[in-house]
Amino acid sequence: MPQDDERELEAALTRAGITPPPGRMRGLLAAYRDLRPMLPLLRGPRDAAAEPAGVYSFDSITRDRGA
């Protein structure tokens, strides 16, 4: 329900201590509605292989930099 989305967003913003600037609530609500279905992907279980910061190319750390 549109009213429920607005209440949920307002509650989340209040919990986070965020006061949106005047005129920005419609945009925030649209973004909230777009992103909310993705929450299960963000909160799902992951292993270390899913962390992109832990990925590197072996060749990039072993090549001769003097050549």
PDB file of N, CA and C in Angstrom:
ATOM      1  N   MET A   1       0.838  -1.185   0.000  1.00  0.00           N
ATOM      2  CA  MET A   1       0.000   0.000   0.000  1.00  0.00           C
ATOM      3  C   MET A   1       0.884   1.250   0.000  1.00  0.00           C
ATOM      4  N   PRO A   2       0.505   2.229  -0.774  1.00  0.00           N
ATOM      5  CA  PRO A   2       1.308   3.457  -0.829  1.00  0.00           C
ATOM      6  C   PRO A   2       1.437   4.159   0.527  1.00  0.00           C
ATOM      7  N   GLN A   3       0.361   4.177   1.291  1.00  0.00           N
ATOM      8  CA  GLN A   3       0.416   4.833   2.605  1.00  0.00           C
ATOM      9  C   GLN A   3       1.371   4.098   3.542  1.00  0.00           C
ATOM     10  N   ASP A   4       1.351   2.759   3.468  1.00  0.00           N
ATOM     11  CA  ASP A   4       2.238   1.962   4.321  1.00  0.00           C
ATOM     12  C   ASP A   4       3.696   2.219   3.966  1.00  0.00           C
ATOM     13  N   ASP A   5       4.001   2.311   2.678  1.00  0.00           N
ATOM     14  CA  ASP A   5       5.379   2.603   2.258  1.00  0.00           C
ATOM     15  C   ASP A   5       5.850   3.933   2.823  1.00  0.00           C
ATOM     16  N   GLU A   6       4.977   4.919   2.750  1.00  0.00           N
ATOM     17  CA  GLU A   6       5.346   6.243   3.245  1.00  0.00           C
ATOM     18  C   GLU A   6       5.593   6.217   4.752  1.00  0.00           C
ATOM     19  N   ARG A   7       4.741   5.514   5.473  1.00  0.00           N
ATOM     20  CA  ARG A   7       4.927   5.411   6.932  1.00  0.00           C
ATOM     21  C   ARG A   7       6.219   4.657   7.268  1.00  0.00           C
ATOM     22  N   GLU A   8       6.482   3.566   6.536  1.00  0.00           N
ATOM     23  CA  GLU A   8       7.713   2.801   6.777  1.00  0.00           C
ATOM     24  C   GLU A   8       8.947   3.659   6.525  1.00  0.00           C
ATOM     25  N   LEU A   9       8.943   4.406   5.423  1.00  0.00           N
ATOM     26  CA  LEU A   9      10.084   5.261   5.105  1.00  0.00           C
ATOM     27  C   LEU A   9      10.259   6.344   6.160  1.00  0.00           C
ATOM     28  N   GLU A  10       9.176   6.978   6.554  1.00  0.00           N
ATOM     29  CA  GLU A  10       9.264   8.024   7.583  1.00  0.00           C
ATOM     30  C   GLU A  10       9.804   7.456   8.890  1.00  0.00           C
ATOM     31  N   ALA A  11       9.373   6.251   9.256  1.00  0.00           N
ATOM     32  CA  ALA A  11       9.866   5.616  10.480  1.00  0.00           C
ATOM     33  C   ALA A  11      11.358   5.309  10.365  1.00  0.00           C
ATOM     34  N   ALA A  12      11.779   4.803   9.201  1.00  0.00           N
ATOM     35  CA  ALA A  12      13.201   4.493   9.008  1.00  0.00           C
ATOM     36  C   ALA A  12      14.049   5.754   9.057  1.00  0.00           C
ATOM     37  N   LEU A  13      13.577   6.822   8.441  1.00  0.00           N
ATOM     38  CA  LEU A  13      14.314   8.084   8.468  1.00  0.00           C
ATOM     39  C   LEU A  13      14.400   8.638   9.886  1.00  0.00           C
ATOM     40  N   THR A  14      13.315   8.526  10.624  1.00  0.00           N
ATOM     41  CA  THR A  14      13.307   8.998  12.012  1.00  0.00           C
ATOM     42  C   THR A  14      14.292   8.194  12.860  1.00  0.00           C
ATOM     43  N   ARG A  15      14.286   6.861  12.704  1.00  0.00           N
ATOM     44  CA  ARG A  15      15.227   6.013  13.461  1.00  0.00           C
ATOM     45  C   ARG A  15      16.675   6.376  13.153  1.00  0.00           C
ATOM     46  N   ALA A  16      16.925   6.735  11.897  1.00  0.00           N
ATOM     47  CA  ALA A  16      18.292   7.082  11.482  1.00  0.00           C
ATOM     48  C   ALA A  16      18.637   8.528  11.798  1.00  0.00           C
ATOM     49  N   GLY A  17      17.657   9.309  12.266  1.00  0.00           N
ATOM     50  CA  GLY A  17      17.920  10.717  12.587  1.00  0.00           C
ATOM     51  C   GLY A  17      18.067  11.577  11.345  1.00  0.00           C
ATOM     52  N   ILE A  18      17.435  11.181  10.259  1.00  0.00           N
ATOM     53  CA  ILE A  18      17.549  11.906   8.995  1.00  0.00           C
ATOM     54  C   ILE A  18      16.305  12.754   8.781  1.00  0.00           C
ATOM     55  N   THR A  19      16.520  14.025   8.499  1.00  0.00           N
ATOM     56  CA  THR A  19      15.438  14.933   8.152  1.00  0.00           C
ATOM     57  C   THR A  19      15.650  15.352   6.705  1.00  0.00           C
ATOM     58  N   PRO A  20      14.834  14.838   5.780  1.00  0.00           N
ATOM     59  CA  PRO A  20      15.031  15.190   4.377  1.00  0.00           C
ATOM     60  C   PRO A  20      14.734  16.665   4.120  1.00  0.00           C
ATOM     61  N   PRO A  21      15.447  17.259   3.179  1.00  0.00           N
ATOM     62  CA  PRO A  21      15.163  18.650   2.824  1.00  0.00           C
ATOM     63  C   PRO A  21      13.746  18.779   2.251  1.00  0.00           C
ATOM     64  N   PRO A  22      13.167  19.954   2.381  1.00  0.00           N
ATOM     65  CA  PRO A  22      11.823  20.155   1.828  1.00  0.00           C
ATOM     66  C   PRO A  22      11.794  19.830   0.329  1.00  0.00           C
ATOM     67  N   GLY A  23      10.736  19.164  -0.088  1.00  0.00           N
ATOM     68  CA  GLY A  23      10.565  18.834  -1.494  1.00  0.00           C
ATOM     69  C   GLY A  23      11.264  17.566  -1.949  1.00  0.00           C
ATOM     70  N   ARG A  24      11.959  16.878  -1.060  1.00  0.00           N
ATOM     71  CA  ARG A  24      12.702  15.668  -1.454  1.00  0.00           C
ATOM     72  C   ARG A  24      11.993  14.373  -1.084  1.00  0.00           C
ATOM     73  N   MET A  25      10.922  14.446  -0.328  1.00  0.00           N
ATOM     74  CA  MET A  25      10.269  13.230   0.161  1.00  0.00           C
ATOM     75  C   MET A  25       9.710  12.385  -0.983  1.00  0.00           C
ATOM     76  N   ARG A  26       9.157  13.004  -2.018  1.00  0.00           N
ATOM     77  CA  ARG A  26       8.613  12.216  -3.136  1.00  0.00           C
ATOM     78  C   ARG A  26       9.721  11.402  -3.805  1.00  0.00           C
ATOM     79  N   GLY A  27      10.878  12.011  -4.018  1.00  0.00           N
ATOM     80  CA  GLY A  27      12.003  11.301  -4.627  1.00  0.00           C
ATOM     81  C   GLY A  27      12.528  10.194  -3.740  1.00  0.00           C
ATOM     82  N   LEU A  28      12.621  10.467  -2.441  1.00  0.00           N
ATOM     83  CA  LEU A  28      13.069   9.439  -1.500  1.00  0.00           C
ATOM     84  C   LEU A  28      12.093   8.266  -1.470  1.00  0.00           C
ATOM     85  N   LEU A  29      10.813   8.570  -1.509  1.00  0.00           N
ATOM     86  CA  LEU A  29       9.799   7.515  -1.476  1.00  0.00           C
ATOM     87  C   LEU A  29       9.879   6.660  -2.739  1.00  0.00           C
ATOM     88  N   ALA A  30      10.085   7.287  -3.880  1.00  0.00           N
ATOM     89  CA  ALA A  30      10.217   6.524  -5.132  1.00  0.00           C
ATOM     90  C   ALA A  30      11.442   5.615  -5.079  1.00  0.00           C
ATOM     91  N   ALA A  31      12.561   6.131  -4.570  1.00  0.00           N
ATOM     92  CA  ALA A  31      13.773   5.318  -4.457  1.00  0.00           C
ATOM     93  C   ALA A  31      13.568   4.182  -3.453  1.00  0.00           C
ATOM     94  N   TYR A  32      12.900   4.474  -2.356  1.00  0.00           N
ATOM     95  CA  TYR A  32      12.615   3.464  -1.341  1.00  0.00           C
ATOM     96  C   TYR A  32      11.798   2.323  -1.938  1.00  0.00           C
ATOM     97  N   ARG A  33      10.791   2.676  -2.720  1.00  0.00           N
ATOM     98  CA  ARG A  33       9.945   1.652  -3.339  1.00  0.00           C
ATOM     99  C   ARG A  33      10.725   0.817  -4.355  1.00  0.00           C
ATOM    100  N   ASP A  34      11.677   1.432  -5.034  1.00  0.00           N
ATOM    101  CA  ASP A  34      12.498   0.684  -5.995  1.00  0.00           C
ATOM    102  C   ASP A  34      13.499  -0.238  -5.305  1.00  0.00           C
ATOM    103  N   LEU A  35      14.068   0.229  -4.205  1.00  0.00           N
ATOM    104  CA  LEU A  35      15.133  -0.525  -3.530  1.00  0.00           C
ATOM    105  C   LEU A  35      14.620  -1.571  -2.543  1.00  0.00           C
ATOM    106  N   ARG A  36      13.438  -1.371  -2.006  1.00  0.00           N
ATOM    107  CA  ARG A  36      12.930  -2.284  -0.985  1.00  0.00           C
ATOM    108  C   ARG A  36      12.877  -3.738  -1.433  1.00  0.00           C
ATOM    109  N   PRO A  37      12.492  -4.047  -2.677  1.00  0.00           N
ATOM    110  CA  PRO A  37      12.491  -5.461  -3.084  1.00  0.00           C
ATOM    111  C   PRO A  37      13.892  -6.090  -3.104  1.00  0.00           C
ATOM    112  N   MET A  38      14.932  -5.284  -3.097  1.00  0.00           N
ATOM    113  CA  MET A  38      16.302  -5.814  -3.131  1.00  0.00           C
ATOM    114  C   MET A  38      16.860  -6.141  -1.746  1.00  0.00           C
ATOM    115  N   LEU A  39      16.155  -5.776  -0.696  1.00  0.00           N
ATOM    116  CA  LEU A  39      16.653  -6.028   0.659  1.00  0.00           C
ATOM    117  C   LEU A  39      17.008  -7.485   0.933  1.00  0.00           C
ATOM    118  N   PRO A  40      16.215  -8.450   0.473  1.00  0.00           N
ATOM    119  CA  PRO A  40      16.611  -9.846   0.729  1.00  0.00           C
ATOM    120  C   PRO A  40      17.976 -10.190   0.119  1.00  0.00           C
ATOM    121  N   LEU A  41      18.334  -9.566  -0.980  1.00  0.00           N
ATOM    122  CA  LEU A  41      19.644  -9.823  -1.577  1.00  0.00           C
ATOM    123  C   LEU A  41      20.763  -9.274  -0.704  1.00  0.00           C
ATOM    124  N   LEU A  42      20.527  -8.119  -0.096  1.00  0.00           N
ATOM    125  CA  LEU A  42      21.544  -7.499   0.743  1.00  0.00           C
ATOM    126  C   LEU A  42      21.721  -8.224   2.065  1.00  0.00           C
ATOM    127  N   ARG A  43      20.645  -8.737   2.595  1.00  0.00           N
ATOM    128  CA  ARG A  43      20.692  -9.357   3.918  1.00  0.00           C
ATOM    129  C   ARG A  43      20.848 -10.864   3.883  1.00  0.00           C
ATOM    130  N   GLY A  44      21.036 -11.412   2.707  1.00  0.00           N
ATOM    131  CA  GLY A  44      21.176 -12.858   2.581  1.00  0.00           C
ATOM    132  C   GLY A  44      22.542 -13.337   3.035  1.00  0.00           C
ATOM    133  N   PRO A  45      22.661 -14.624   3.319  1.00  0.00           N
ATOM    134  CA  PRO A  45      23.956 -15.165   3.741  1.00  0.00           C
ATOM    135  C   PRO A  45      24.947 -15.163   2.578  1.00  0.00           C
ATOM    136  N   ARG A  46      26.197 -14.847   2.879  1.00  0.00           N
ATOM    137  CA  ARG A  46      27.262 -14.842   1.879  1.00  0.00           C
ATOM    138  C   ARG A  46      28.520 -15.432   2.486  1.00  0.00           C
ATOM    139  N   ASP A  47      29.362 -15.965   1.609  1.00  0.00           N
ATOM    140  CA  ASP A  47      30.647 -16.455   2.084  1.00  0.00           C
ATOM    141  C   ASP A  47      31.738 -15.452   1.681  1.00  0.00           C
ATOM    142  N   ALA A  48      32.957 -15.729   2.044  1.00  0.00           N
ATOM    143  CA  ALA A  48      34.054 -14.804   1.767  1.00  0.00           C
ATOM    144  C   ALA A  48      34.273 -14.594   0.276  1.00  0.00           C
ATOM    145  N   ALA A  49      33.916 -15.560  -0.540  1.00  0.00           N
ATOM    146  CA  ALA A  49      34.111 -15.429  -1.986  1.00  0.00           C
ATOM    147  C   ALA A  49      33.212 -14.362  -2.598  1.00  0.00           C
ATOM    148  N   ALA A  50      32.143 -13.989  -1.907  1.00  0.00           N
ATOM    149  CA  ALA A  50      31.227 -12.973  -2.415  1.00  0.00           C
ATOM    150  C   ALA A  50      31.734 -11.561  -2.150  1.00  0.00           C
ATOM    151  N   GLU A  51      32.830 -11.418  -1.434  1.00  0.00           N
ATOM    152  CA  GLU A  51      33.372 -10.097  -1.097  1.00  0.00           C
ATOM    153  C   GLU A  51      34.336  -9.653  -2.184  1.00  0.00           C
ATOM    154  N   PRO A  52      33.971  -8.646  -2.977  1.00  0.00           N
ATOM    155  CA  PRO A  52      34.836  -8.235  -4.079  1.00  0.00           C
ATOM    156  C   PRO A  52      36.183  -7.666  -3.622  1.00  0.00           C
ATOM    157  N   ALA A  53      36.268  -7.160  -2.406  1.00  0.00           N
ATOM    158  CA  ALA A  53      37.535  -6.609  -1.933  1.00  0.00           C
ATOM    159  C   ALA A  53      38.576  -7.705  -1.726  1.00  0.00           C
ATOM    160  N   GLY A  54      38.122  -8.938  -1.618  1.00  0.00           N
ATOM    161  CA  GLY A  54      39.046 -10.042  -1.418  1.00  0.00           C
ATOM    162  C   GLY A  54      39.476 -10.711  -2.710  1.00  0.00           C
ATOM    163  N   VAL A  55      39.129 -10.137  -3.840  1.00  0.00           N
ATOM    164  CA  VAL A  55      39.448 -10.724  -5.140  1.00  0.00           C
ATOM    165  C   VAL A  55      40.613  -9.967  -5.758  1.00  0.00           C
ATOM    166  N   TYR A  56      41.597 -10.677  -6.218  1.00  0.00           N
ATOM    167  CA  TYR A  56      42.732 -10.046  -6.881  1.00  0.00           C
ATOM    168  C   TYR A  56      43.268 -10.992  -7.943  1.00  0.00           C
ATOM    169  N   SER A  57      44.012 -10.432  -8.834  1.00  0.00           N
ATOM    170  CA  SER A  57      44.639 -11.236  -9.866  1.00  0.00           C
ATOM    171  C   SER A  57      46.041 -11.604  -9.407  1.00  0.00           C
ATOM    172  N   PHE A  58      46.359 -12.883  -9.395  1.00  0.00           N
ATOM    173  CA  PHE A  58      47.679 -13.320  -8.968  1.00  0.00           C
ATOM    174  C   PHE A  58      48.763 -12.693  -9.845  1.00  0.00           C
ATOM    175  N   ASP A  59      48.489 -12.564 -11.150  1.00  0.00           N
ATOM    176  CA  ASP A  59      49.470 -11.967 -12.058  1.00  0.00           C
ATOM    177  C   ASP A  59      49.788 -10.518 -11.692  1.00  0.00           C
ATOM    178  N   SER A  60      48.819  -9.787 -11.213  1.00  0.00           N
ATOM    179  CA  SER A  60      49.051  -8.372 -10.906  1.00  0.00           C
ATOM    180  C   SER A  60      49.956  -8.170  -9.694  1.00  0.00           C
ATOM    181  N   ILE A  61      50.032  -9.143  -8.809  1.00  0.00           N
ATOM    182  CA  ILE A  61      50.887  -8.972  -7.633  1.00  0.00           C
ATOM    183  C   ILE A  61      52.240  -9.675  -7.778  1.00  0.00           C
ATOM    184  N   THR A  62      52.431 -10.415  -8.853  1.00  0.00           N
ATOM    185  CA  THR A  62      53.697 -11.129  -9.029  1.00  0.00           C
ATOM    186  C   THR A  62      54.504 -10.657 -10.224  1.00  0.00           C
ATOM    187  N   ARG A  63      53.975  -9.764 -11.034  1.00  0.00           N
ATOM    188  CA  ARG A  63      54.714  -9.347 -12.232  1.00  0.00           C
ATOM    189  C   ARG A  63      55.920  -8.483 -11.846  1.00  0.00           C
ATOM    190  N   ASP A  64      56.893  -8.501 -12.700  1.00  0.00           N
ATOM    191  CA  ASP A  64      58.118  -7.734 -12.484  1.00  0.00           C
ATOM    192  C   ASP A  64      57.839  -6.267 -12.823  1.00  0.00           C
ATOM    193  N   ARG A  65      57.937  -5.415 -11.852  1.00  0.00           N
ATOM    194  CA  ARG A  65      57.636  -4.003 -12.063  1.00  0.00           C
ATOM    195  C   ARG A  65      58.828  -3.234 -12.631  1.00  0.00           C
ATOM    196  N   GLY A  66      59.967  -3.844 -12.670  1.00  0.00           N
ATOM    197  CA  GLY A  66      61.150  -3.166 -13.184  1.00  0.00           C
ATOM    198  C   GLY A  66      61.237  -3.178 -14.697  1.00  0.00           C
ATOM    199  N   ALA A  67      60.501  -4.034 -15.349  1.00  0.00           N
ATOM    200  CA  ALA A  67      60.592  -4.175 -16.802  1.00  0.00           C
ATOM    201  C   ALA A  67      59.775  -3.160 -17.541  1.00  0.00           C
TER     202      ALA A  67
END
